[in-house]
Each structure stands twice: as C-alpha cells, then as structure tokens.
Amino acid sequence: MDRRRFLTGVGTGVAVGIAGCLGGDDGPDRPFPDAEWRDEDGIDVAALSESHVGAIVDAGGATLFSIAETTHDDDAEPSPWLPSQEYESAYDIENGRQYVRQEMTETEETDVSELYVADGEALVRQRVGDETQYGRQSVDRSADDLETAMEAEVVTGIRVEGETAGGETEYEGLNLWNPTSDGEDEVRGEPTARFTADAFEGDRNVPETVETASATVHVYESGVVPRLEQSWAGPHDDQEATVDVDIDYRDLGATVSEPEWAAEAREETSA
C-alpha cells in the first residue's frame, strides 16, 4: 500500500494493498461441523465473509492489523514493490471514529503515517526521520458511510469484490486458495477451526509469478476470521521475491480513542 492511497482513502475507507473433516466423523479434524460457513472439508467463502462482516457490524467496529514482510534477492529494489510494513485500521461506529496507521518497518529512519477521522474532520500526521508534518481537512461522512467503508475493508483477504474489464463481478480472497480443514487451534484464547492451503490460483503484482504459495486461516465458531496468514514466492522483475502477509481481526466492539497528537495537529493546521 502506498502513501497516496493512504492519504486519499478518507472518504471510502483505506484498504491494504494489503487471503470438514475426512469422512463424516465430527472429531478434532473438523471442529464446528454444523457451522453455516463450512463446505464439508473446506470453506463456503461467501457465507464466511457474510458471518465475519455481520459479527463486526453487530459489535460496532473492529481493528484490522496487518504485517507484510517482503524480501528480494538483488540489492536493487524491484518494481513494482511492496515494502515491509505494519498496517492498522480501527473502526468505532458508535462514536463515528476511525484510526489508521501505516509504518514502514525496514527503513533506516522512522517512516510512519497516521490518520484520525472524527466529528467531521480528518487529521493526518506523517513522521519521516526527524521531520513531522500535519494535515487537516473536513470530511462529510455519515454513520452509514463509515459503516460501509468498514464493511469493505474488513473482508480484506477473505472476499474482496471487484469488477472485470467487461463489467462482471469478481472476487479475490480465500476463493483463490484451496483451504482444507487442518484441525483445531486457538487465537486469543478462543478455539478456532484451522484451515491450510497450498495452491493459489490468482494473479499478483508482487511477485508477478507465483511458484509456491501457502495460507492458514483461523475461524471462530461464530464465523469471525481472527487471523489469516498468506505467503507467496516466485520470480519478480528478474529476481526472486517472497511476500508474507499476516492479517489479524481483533478488538471487536472496542472504542477508538483520540490519539495524543490530535491537539497538536489541530494547532499546527489552524492558520
């Protein structure tokens, strides 16, 4: 995800640029066998995305936290490229607030962008090295607009809706993988059904050719996806590249507090 998308994403939500059992036994290889989001040994992706988004809407918000770790063989950075980074986007529907943070993690100096949206204004703080810059603009966004933006973002990696050149609806997410039941696990103290995948059928910008891929997805019985891990490797811009992206959905129902830098941002942009 580049900074241009970060800074222009206020009105529509910021997306990251940045995803049974064998036989009829209800044993440990297939937890939650009667869940509507199950498709025997796999996942009904449409049903899963619906239950995941529905639970987050009912809770009034959530936080998407993503870590991207990327490597390439040569000294020169290939193009296009996804730098290693952390990305966090928190929604609080009841209070009409959103907070976004993007931090480059393998740079020699600080490189962090933050966005806070509340009460009809968007505040931005950018820190690069020792320099800090602030920005502010008015935002005309209703509660319904904020909820719609949240719904679009919280299916990142699960089922993102797009459109082909011919105008047909297409989806990117777990439908491009082959997730298969891999027993039980636990995320943040709550049992999950774990699914693993070893084949990816989609196209990617980085790496441009996928030779090997793997994914692990955790699902609560409620149909919430608390964690999704994905990895791709292959040739890219005449060298080998790997991309590992881990996404956590957490803090369901938590409120978003005003960041400590908000007052300074308003003061710096008051002229």
C-alpha atoms as a PDB file:
ATOM      1  CA  MET A   1       0.000   0.000   0.000  1.00  0.00           C
ATOM      2  CA  ASP A   2       1.486   3.341  -0.951  1.00  0.00           C
ATOM      3  CA  ARG A   3       1.108   6.653   0.855  1.00  0.00           C
ATOM      4  CA  ARG A   4      -1.011   8.141  -1.922  1.00  0.00           C
ATOM      5  CA  ARG A   5      -3.708   5.555  -1.261  1.00  0.00           C
ATOM      6  CA  PHE A   6      -3.360   6.141   2.480  1.00  0.00           C
ATOM      7  CA  LEU A   7      -3.885   9.889   2.184  1.00  0.00           C
ATOM      8  CA  THR A   8      -6.769   9.703  -0.298  1.00  0.00           C
ATOM      9  CA  GLY A   9      -8.661   6.939   1.471  1.00  0.00           C
ATOM     10  CA  VAL A  10     -10.572   9.103   3.951  1.00  0.00           C
ATOM     11  CA  GLY A  11     -13.899   9.022   2.152  1.00  0.00           C
ATOM     12  CA  THR A  12     -14.040   5.373   1.155  1.00  0.00           C
ATOM     13  CA  GLY A  13     -12.043   3.524   3.788  1.00  0.00           C
ATOM     14  CA  VAL A  14      -8.401   2.516   3.465  1.00  0.00           C
ATOM     15  CA  ALA A  15      -7.699  -0.915   2.097  1.00  0.00           C
ATOM     16  CA  VAL A  16      -4.489  -2.626   2.465  1.00  0.00           C
ATOM     17  CA  GLY A  17      -2.552  -3.336  -0.636  1.00  0.00           C
ATOM     18  CA  ILE A  18      -2.585  -5.117   1.558  1.00  0.00           C
ATOM     19  CA  ALA A  19      -6.497 -14.191   1.867  1.00  0.00           C
ATOM     20  CA  GLY A  20     -14.572 -30.559   7.284  1.00  0.00           C
ATOM     21  CA  CYS A  21     -13.069 -33.406   8.050  1.00  0.00           C
ATOM     22  CA  LEU A  22     -12.173 -36.533   6.099  1.00  0.00           C
ATOM     23  CA  GLY A  23     -15.348 -38.599   6.141  1.00  0.00           C
ATOM     24  CA  GLY A  24     -18.373 -37.984   8.339  1.00  0.00           C
ATOM     25  CA  ASP A  25     -16.675 -38.035  11.731  1.00  0.00           C
ATOM     26  CA  ASP A  26     -17.212 -34.947  13.924  1.00  0.00           C
ATOM     27  CA  GLY A  27     -13.794 -35.398  15.517  1.00  0.00           C
ATOM     28  CA  PRO A  28     -10.920 -32.962  16.074  1.00  0.00           C
ATOM     29  CA  ASP A  29     -10.054 -32.711  12.354  1.00  0.00           C
ATOM     30  CA  ARG A  30     -13.315 -30.899  11.703  1.00  0.00           C
ATOM     31  CA  PRO A  31     -14.378 -28.574  14.531  1.00  0.00           C
ATOM     32  CA  PHE A  32     -17.732 -26.787  14.320  1.00  0.00           C
ATOM     33  CA  PRO A  33     -19.096 -29.330  11.782  1.00  0.00           C
ATOM     34  CA  ASP A  34     -22.548 -27.698  11.611  1.00  0.00           C
ATOM     35  CA  ALA A  35     -21.347 -24.137  11.012  1.00  0.00           C
ATOM     36  CA  GLU A  36     -23.023 -22.481   8.029  1.00  0.00           C
ATOM     37  CA  TRP A  37     -19.682 -21.201   6.741  1.00  0.00           C
ATOM     38  CA  ARG A  38     -18.385 -24.755   6.305  1.00  0.00           C
ATOM     39  CA  ASP A  39     -18.358 -26.577   2.984  1.00  0.00           C
ATOM     40  CA  GLU A  40     -17.643 -30.097   4.168  1.00  0.00           C
ATOM     41  CA  ASP A  41     -13.838 -30.177   4.407  1.00  0.00           C
ATOM     42  CA  GLY A  42     -13.450 -26.640   3.098  1.00  0.00           C
ATOM     43  CA  ILE A  43     -14.952 -23.157   3.428  1.00  0.00           C
ATOM     44  CA  ASP A  44     -18.036 -21.549   1.919  1.00  0.00           C
ATOM     45  CA  VAL A  45     -16.285 -18.223   1.310  1.00  0.00           C
ATOM     46  CA  ALA A  46     -19.464 -16.239   0.617  1.00  0.00           C
ATOM     47  CA  ALA A  47     -21.100 -17.460   3.836  1.00  0.00           C
ATOM     48  CA  LEU A  48     -17.902 -16.904   5.817  1.00  0.00           C
ATOM     49  CA  SER A  49     -17.494 -13.310   4.630  1.00  0.00           C
ATOM     50  CA  GLU A  50     -21.139 -12.618   5.486  1.00  0.00           C
ATOM     51  CA  SER A  51     -20.825 -14.004   9.014  1.00  0.00           C
ATOM     52  CA  HIS A  52     -17.483 -12.247   9.545  1.00  0.00           C
ATOM     53  CA  VAL A  53     -18.763  -8.826   8.460  1.00  0.00           C
ATOM     54  CA  GLY A  54     -22.100  -9.310  10.252  1.00  0.00           C
ATOM     55  CA  ALA A  55     -20.399 -10.011  13.574  1.00  0.00           C
ATOM     56  CA  ILE A  56     -18.175  -6.938  13.236  1.00  0.00           C
ATOM     57  CA  VAL A  57     -21.158  -4.717  12.345  1.00  0.00           C
ATOM     58  CA  ASP A  58     -23.100  -6.087  15.316  1.00  0.00           C
ATOM     59  CA  ALA A  59     -20.115  -5.397  17.576  1.00  0.00           C
ATOM     60  CA  GLY A  60     -19.910  -1.809  16.326  1.00  0.00           C
ATOM     61  CA  GLY A  61     -16.390  -1.993  14.968  1.00  0.00           C
ATOM     62  CA  ALA A  62     -13.068  -3.810  14.955  1.00  0.00           C
ATOM     63  CA  THR A  63      -9.375  -3.412  14.193  1.00  0.00           C
ATOM     64  CA  LEU A  64      -7.614  -4.803  11.146  1.00  0.00           C
ATOM     65  CA  PHE A  65      -3.919  -5.308  11.955  1.00  0.00           C
ATOM     66  CA  SER A  66      -1.632  -6.500   9.178  1.00  0.00           C
ATOM     67  CA  ILE A  67       2.084  -7.236   8.895  1.00  0.00           C
ATOM     68  CA  ALA A  68       3.749  -7.569   5.486  1.00  0.00           C
ATOM     69  CA  GLU A  69       7.286  -8.969   5.346  1.00  0.00           C
ATOM     70  CA  THR A  70       8.909  -8.919   1.913  1.00  0.00           C
ATOM     71  CA  THR A  71      12.310  -9.951   0.559  1.00  0.00           C
ATOM     72  CA  HIS A  72      14.090  -9.881  -2.796  1.00  0.00           C
ATOM     73  CA  ASP A  73      17.398 -11.337  -3.955  1.00  0.00           C
ATOM     74  CA  ASP A  74      19.199  -8.389  -5.538  1.00  0.00           C
ATOM     75  CA  ASP A  75      20.413  -5.196  -3.913  1.00  0.00           C
ATOM     76  CA  ALA A  76      18.226  -3.065  -6.177  1.00  0.00           C
ATOM     77  CA  GLU A  77      14.543  -2.928  -5.225  1.00  0.00           C
ATOM     78  CA  PRO A  78      12.339  -4.466  -7.927  1.00  0.00           C
ATOM     79  CA  SER A  79       9.431  -2.591  -9.457  1.00  0.00           C
ATOM     80  CA  PRO A  80       6.638  -2.566  -8.551  1.00  0.00           C
ATOM     81  CA  TRP A  81       7.342  -3.460  -4.930  1.00  0.00           C
ATOM     82  CA  LEU A  82       5.548  -3.825  -1.610  1.00  0.00           C
ATOM     83  CA  PRO A  83       7.841  -2.669   1.220  1.00  0.00           C
ATOM     84  CA  SER A  84       7.743  -4.444   4.555  1.00  0.00           C
ATOM     85  CA  GLN A  85       5.269  -2.645   6.777  1.00  0.00           C
ATOM     86  CA  GLU A  86       2.673  -2.689   9.525  1.00  0.00           C
ATOM     87  CA  TYR A  87      -0.842  -1.506   8.836  1.00  0.00           C
ATOM     88  CA  GLU A  88      -3.594  -0.884  11.378  1.00  0.00           C
ATOM     89  CA  SER A  89      -7.133   0.376  10.766  1.00  0.00           C
ATOM     90  CA  ALA A  90      -9.602   0.657  13.654  1.00  0.00           C
ATOM     91  CA  TYR A  91     -13.320   1.488  13.363  1.00  0.00           C
ATOM     92  CA  ASP A  92     -15.689   2.722  16.078  1.00  0.00           C
ATOM     93  CA  ILE A  93     -19.147   3.044  14.536  1.00  0.00           C
ATOM     94  CA  GLU A  94     -20.970   4.242  17.682  1.00  0.00           C
ATOM     95  CA  ASN A  95     -18.665   7.243  18.083  1.00  0.00           C
ATOM     96  CA  GLY A  96     -18.077   7.778  14.353  1.00  0.00           C
ATOM     97  CA  ARG A  97     -14.303   7.353  14.585  1.00  0.00           C
ATOM     98  CA  GLN A  98     -11.592   5.741  12.523  1.00  0.00           C
ATOM     99  CA  TYR A  99      -7.862   5.495  13.142  1.00  0.00           C
ATOM    100  CA  VAL A 100      -5.299   4.311  10.579  1.00  0.00           C
ATOM    101  CA  ARG A 101      -1.559   3.781  10.953  1.00  0.00           C
ATOM    102  CA  GLN A 102       0.954   2.672   8.322  1.00  0.00           C
ATOM    103  CA  GLU A 103       4.590   2.122   9.318  1.00  0.00           C
ATOM    104  CA  MET A 104       7.460   1.024   7.083  1.00  0.00           C
ATOM    105  CA  THR A 105       9.429  -1.467   9.138  1.00  0.00           C
ATOM    106  CA  GLU A 106      12.708  -1.992   7.275  1.00  0.00           C
ATOM    107  CA  THR A 107      13.841   1.579   6.760  1.00  0.00           C
ATOM    108  CA  GLU A 108      16.845   3.282   8.318  1.00  0.00           C
ATOM    109  CA  GLU A 109      14.697   6.112   9.661  1.00  0.00           C
ATOM    110  CA  THR A 110      11.185   6.476  11.033  1.00  0.00           C
ATOM    111  CA  ASP A 111       8.502   6.360   8.327  1.00  0.00           C
ATOM    112  CA  VAL A 112       5.000   6.429   9.816  1.00  0.00           C
ATOM    113  CA  SER A 113       1.716   7.870   8.520  1.00  0.00           C
ATOM    114  CA  GLU A 114      -1.376   8.178  10.731  1.00  0.00           C
ATOM    115  CA  LEU A 115      -4.950   9.221  10.069  1.00  0.00           C
ATOM    116  CA  TYR A 116      -7.690  10.035  12.581  1.00  0.00           C
ATOM    117  CA  VAL A 117     -11.246  10.742  11.441  1.00  0.00           C
ATOM    118  CA  ALA A 118     -13.952  12.005  13.816  1.00  0.00           C
ATOM    119  CA  ASP A 119     -16.547  14.767  14.167  1.00  0.00           C
ATOM    120  CA  GLY A 120     -16.377  15.884  10.561  1.00  0.00           C
ATOM    121  CA  GLU A 121     -12.616  16.258  10.282  1.00  0.00           C
ATOM    122  CA  ALA A 122      -9.651  14.146   9.245  1.00  0.00           C
ATOM    123  CA  LEU A 123      -6.276  14.703  10.891  1.00  0.00           C
ATOM    124  CA  VAL A 124      -3.051  13.364   9.400  1.00  0.00           C
ATOM    125  CA  ARG A 125       0.384  13.027  10.949  1.00  0.00           C
ATOM    126  CA  GLN A 126       3.428  11.994   8.910  1.00  0.00           C
ATOM    127  CA  ARG A 127       6.778  11.297  10.537  1.00  0.00           C
ATOM    128  CA  VAL A 128       9.781  10.729   8.278  1.00  0.00           C
ATOM    129  CA  GLY A 129      13.110  10.730  10.069  1.00  0.00           C
ATOM    130  CA  ASP A 130      13.184  13.739  12.381  1.00  0.00           C
ATOM    131  CA  GLU A 131      10.517  15.606  10.416  1.00  0.00           C
ATOM    132  CA  THR A 132       6.828  15.676  11.410  1.00  0.00           C
ATOM    133  CA  GLN A 133       4.088  17.133   9.244  1.00  0.00           C
ATOM    134  CA  TYR A 134       0.386  17.542   9.985  1.00  0.00           C
ATOM    135  CA  GLY A 135      -2.651  17.894   7.788  1.00  0.00           C
ATOM    136  CA  ARG A 136      -6.339  18.547   8.343  1.00  0.00           C
ATOM    137  CA  GLN A 137      -9.422  18.579   6.141  1.00  0.00           C
ATOM    138  CA  SER A 138     -13.164  18.493   6.633  1.00  0.00           C
ATOM    139  CA  VAL A 139     -14.966  15.230   5.980  1.00  0.00           C
ATOM    140  CA  ASP A 140     -18.615  14.859   5.059  1.00  0.00           C
ATOM    141  CA  ARG A 141     -19.191  11.246   6.055  1.00  0.00           C
ATOM    142  CA  SER A 142     -22.331   9.853   7.651  1.00  0.00           C
ATOM    143  CA  ALA A 143     -22.512   6.914  10.048  1.00  0.00           C
ATOM    144  CA  ASP A 144     -23.750   4.790   7.150  1.00  0.00           C
ATOM    145  CA  ASP A 145     -20.752   5.862   5.059  1.00  0.00           C
ATOM    146  CA  LEU A 146     -18.369   4.877   7.846  1.00  0.00           C
ATOM    147  CA  GLU A 147     -20.058   1.505   8.271  1.00  0.00           C
ATOM    148  CA  THR A 148     -19.912   0.878   4.517  1.00  0.00           C
ATOM    149  CA  ALA A 149     -16.194   1.713   4.479  1.00  0.00           C
ATOM    150  CA  MET A 150     -15.624  -0.664   7.395  1.00  0.00           C
ATOM    151  CA  GLU A 151     -17.568  -3.468   5.712  1.00  0.00           C
ATOM    152  CA  ALA A 152     -15.427  -3.103   2.591  1.00  0.00           C
ATOM    153  CA  GLU A 153     -12.148  -3.162   4.500  1.00  0.00           C
ATOM    154  CA  VAL A 154     -12.796  -5.953   6.990  1.00  0.00           C
ATOM    155  CA  VAL A 155     -13.120  -8.569   4.250  1.00  0.00           C
ATOM    156  CA  THR A 156      -9.548  -7.905   3.102  1.00  0.00           C
ATOM    157  CA  GLY A 157      -8.013 -11.287   2.359  1.00  0.00           C
ATOM    158  CA  ILE A 158     -11.361 -13.066   2.774  1.00  0.00           C
ATOM    159  CA  ARG A 159     -13.635 -11.931  -0.075  1.00  0.00           C
ATOM    160  CA  VAL A 160     -12.987  -8.589  -1.773  1.00  0.00           C
ATOM    161  CA  GLU A 161     -15.418  -7.664  -4.532  1.00  0.00           C
ATOM    162  CA  GLY A 162     -14.095  -6.246  -7.795  1.00  0.00           C
ATOM    163  CA  GLU A 163     -15.074  -5.877 -11.411  1.00  0.00           C
ATOM    164  CA  THR A 164     -13.592  -7.300 -14.599  1.00  0.00           C
ATOM    165  CA  ALA A 165     -12.833  -5.202 -17.672  1.00  0.00           C
ATOM    166  CA  GLY A 166     -16.116  -6.475 -19.083  1.00  0.00           C
ATOM    167  CA  GLY A 167     -18.089  -5.214 -16.099  1.00  0.00           C
ATOM    168  CA  GLU A 168     -18.624  -8.603 -14.440  1.00  0.00           C
ATOM    169  CA  THR A 169     -18.336  -9.038 -10.678  1.00  0.00           C
ATOM    170  CA  GLU A 170     -15.306 -10.953  -9.460  1.00  0.00           C
ATOM    171  CA  TYR A 171     -13.900 -11.755  -6.033  1.00  0.00           C
ATOM    172  CA  GLU A 172     -10.403 -12.012  -4.639  1.00  0.00           C
ATOM    173  CA  GLY A 173      -9.613 -13.700  -1.364  1.00  0.00           C
ATOM    174  CA  LEU A 174      -9.952 -17.209   0.004  1.00  0.00           C
ATOM    175  CA  ASN A 175     -11.740 -18.274  -3.184  1.00  0.00           C
ATOM    176  CA  LEU A 176      -8.330 -18.110  -4.905  1.00  0.00           C
ATOM    177  CA  TRP A 177      -6.920 -20.675  -2.458  1.00  0.00           C
ATOM    178  CA  ASN A 178      -7.770 -24.300  -1.658  1.00  0.00           C
ATOM    179  CA  PRO A 179      -8.361 -24.121   2.125  1.00  0.00           C
ATOM    180  CA  THR A 180      -8.789 -27.547   3.714  1.00  0.00           C
ATOM    181  CA  SER A 181      -9.599 -28.424   7.306  1.00  0.00           C
ATOM    182  CA  ASP A 182      -6.465 -28.899   9.407  1.00  0.00           C
ATOM    183  CA  GLY A 183      -7.869 -29.470  12.875  1.00  0.00           C
ATOM    184  CA  GLU A 184      -8.353 -27.208  15.869  1.00  0.00           C
ATOM    185  CA  ASP A 185      -6.325 -24.267  17.129  1.00  0.00           C
ATOM    186  CA  GLU A 186      -6.740 -21.178  19.305  1.00  0.00           C
ATOM    187  CA  VAL A 187      -6.451 -17.429  18.748  1.00  0.00           C
ATOM    188  CA  ARG A 188      -6.505 -15.029  21.707  1.00  0.00           C
ATOM    189  CA  GLY A 189      -7.846 -17.745  23.997  1.00  0.00           C
ATOM    190  CA  GLU A 190     -10.804 -18.754  21.822  1.00  0.00           C
ATOM    191  CA  PRO A 191     -10.983 -22.070  19.910  1.00  0.00           C
ATOM    192  CA  THR A 192     -10.751 -21.918  16.144  1.00  0.00           C
ATOM    193  CA  ALA A 193     -11.107 -24.215  13.181  1.00  0.00           C
ATOM    194  CA  ARG A 194      -7.824 -24.075  11.270  1.00  0.00           C
ATOM    195  CA  PHE A 195      -7.638 -24.418   7.506  1.00  0.00           C
ATOM    196  CA  THR A 196      -4.474 -24.631   5.408  1.00  0.00           C
ATOM    197  CA  ALA A 197      -3.902 -24.128   1.691  1.00  0.00           C
ATOM    198  CA  ASP A 198      -1.008 -24.901  -0.640  1.00  0.00           C
ATOM    199  CA  ALA A 199      -2.278 -23.655  -4.012  1.00  0.00           C
ATOM    200  CA  PHE A 200      -3.068 -20.122  -5.205  1.00  0.00           C
ATOM    201  CA  GLU A 201      -4.926 -19.554  -8.479  1.00  0.00           C
ATOM    202  CA  GLY A 202      -4.923 -15.763  -8.719  1.00  0.00           C
ATOM    203  CA  ASP A 203      -2.692 -13.097 -10.230  1.00  0.00           C
ATOM    204  CA  ARG A 204      -0.431 -10.853  -8.169  1.00  0.00           C
ATOM    205  CA  ASN A 205       1.629  -7.746  -8.786  1.00  0.00           C
ATOM    206  CA  VAL A 206       4.282  -8.882  -6.289  1.00  0.00           C
ATOM    207  CA  PRO A 207       5.612 -11.417  -7.023  1.00  0.00           C
ATOM    208  CA  GLU A 208       4.452 -11.268 -10.625  1.00  0.00           C
ATOM    209  CA  THR A 209       4.850 -15.049 -10.999  1.00  0.00           C
ATOM    210  CA  VAL A 210       3.764 -17.257  -8.089  1.00  0.00           C
ATOM    211  CA  GLU A 211       5.705 -20.516  -7.969  1.00  0.00           C
ATOM    212  CA  THR A 212       4.915 -21.530  -4.387  1.00  0.00           C
ATOM    213  CA  ALA A 213       2.205 -20.331  -2.019  1.00  0.00           C
ATOM    214  CA  SER A 214       0.673 -21.253   1.308  1.00  0.00           C
ATOM    215  CA  ALA A 215      -2.031 -19.941   3.590  1.00  0.00           C
ATOM    216  CA  THR A 216      -3.518 -20.611   7.010  1.00  0.00           C
ATOM    217  CA  VAL A 217      -6.899 -19.271   8.078  1.00  0.00           C
ATOM    218  CA  HIS A 218      -8.458 -19.454  11.549  1.00  0.00           C
ATOM    219  CA  VAL A 219     -12.222 -19.239  12.047  1.00  0.00           C
ATOM    220  CA  TYR A 220     -14.173 -18.875  15.279  1.00  0.00           C
ATOM    221  CA  GLU A 221     -17.405 -20.853  15.579  1.00  0.00           C
ATOM    222  CA  SER A 222     -19.288 -17.544  15.148  1.00  0.00           C
ATOM    223  CA  GLY A 223     -17.812 -17.185  11.656  1.00  0.00           C
ATOM    224  CA  VAL A 224     -15.326 -14.441  12.527  1.00  0.00           C
ATOM    225  CA  VAL A 225     -11.866 -14.817  10.981  1.00  0.00           C
ATOM    226  CA  PRO A 226      -9.433 -13.647  13.682  1.00  0.00           C
ATOM    227  CA  ARG A 227      -6.262 -14.486  11.743  1.00  0.00           C
ATOM    228  CA  LEU A 228      -5.236 -15.088   8.152  1.00  0.00           C
ATOM    229  CA  GLU A 229      -1.655 -15.865   7.098  1.00  0.00           C
ATOM    230  CA  GLN A 230      -0.569 -15.897   3.448  1.00  0.00           C
ATOM    231  CA  SER A 231       2.740 -16.414   1.674  1.00  0.00           C
ATOM    232  CA  TRP A 232       3.783 -16.165  -1.966  1.00  0.00           C
ATOM    233  CA  ALA A 233       7.185 -16.706  -3.643  1.00  0.00           C
ATOM    234  CA  GLY A 234       8.459 -16.590  -7.201  1.00  0.00           C
ATOM    235  CA  PRO A 235      10.250 -14.570  -9.906  1.00  0.00           C
ATOM    236  CA  HIS A 236       9.703 -10.824  -9.905  1.00  0.00           C
ATOM    237  CA  ASP A 237      11.445  -8.195 -12.052  1.00  0.00           C
ATOM    238  CA  ASP A 238      14.331 -10.584 -12.922  1.00  0.00           C
ATOM    239  CA  GLN A 239      14.904 -11.732  -9.346  1.00  0.00           C
ATOM    240  CA  GLU A 240      13.312 -13.949  -6.713  1.00  0.00           C
ATOM    241  CA  ALA A 241      10.881 -12.409  -4.246  1.00  0.00           C
ATOM    242  CA  THR A 242       8.804 -13.511  -1.270  1.00  0.00           C
ATOM    243  CA  VAL A 243       5.787 -11.843   0.287  1.00  0.00           C
ATOM    244  CA  ASP A 244       4.351 -12.884   3.661  1.00  0.00           C
ATOM    245  CA  VAL A 245       1.169 -11.136   4.815  1.00  0.00           C
ATOM    246  CA  ASP A 246      -0.460 -11.822   8.184  1.00  0.00           C
ATOM    247  CA  ILE A 247      -3.840 -10.225   8.959  1.00  0.00           C
ATOM    248  CA  ASP A 248      -5.490 -10.117  12.375  1.00  0.00           C
ATOM    249  CA  TYR A 249      -9.069  -9.009  13.019  1.00  0.00           C
ATOM    250  CA  ARG A 250      -9.298  -8.037  16.671  1.00  0.00           C
ATOM    251  CA  ASP A 251     -10.858  -5.706  19.260  1.00  0.00           C
ATOM    252  CA  LEU A 252     -14.472  -6.330  18.236  1.00  0.00           C
ATOM    253  CA  GLY A 253     -16.640  -3.694  19.888  1.00  0.00           C
ATOM    254  CA  ALA A 254     -13.722  -1.655  21.261  1.00  0.00           C
ATOM    255  CA  THR A 255     -13.830   2.136  21.092  1.00  0.00           C
ATOM    256  CA  VAL A 256     -11.307   4.286  19.226  1.00  0.00           C
ATOM    257  CA  SER A 257      -9.713   6.957  21.394  1.00  0.00           C
ATOM    258  CA  GLU A 258      -8.452  10.271  20.083  1.00  0.00           C
ATOM    259  CA  PRO A 259      -4.671   9.979  19.552  1.00  0.00           C
ATOM    260  CA  GLU A 260      -2.406  12.067  21.732  1.00  0.00           C
ATOM    261  CA  TRP A 261      -1.101  14.014  18.728  1.00  0.00           C
ATOM    262  CA  ALA A 262      -4.571  15.242  17.614  1.00  0.00           C
ATOM    263  CA  ALA A 263      -4.437  18.500  19.609  1.00  0.00           C
ATOM    264  CA  GLU A 264      -1.032  19.391  18.164  1.00  0.00           C
ATOM    265  CA  ALA A 265      -2.289  18.591  14.665  1.00  0.00           C
ATOM    266  CA  ARG A 266      -5.192  20.997  15.091  1.00  0.00           C
ATOM    267  CA  GLU A 267      -2.883  23.691  16.459  1.00  0.00           C
ATOM    268  CA  GLU A 268      -0.352  23.274  13.636  1.00  0.00           C
ATOM    269  CA  THR A 269      -3.072  23.458  10.966  1.00  0.00           C
ATOM    270  CA  SER A 270      -5.181  26.240  12.485  1.00  0.00           C
ATOM    271  CA  ALA A 271      -3.698  29.056  10.393  1.00  0.00           C
END
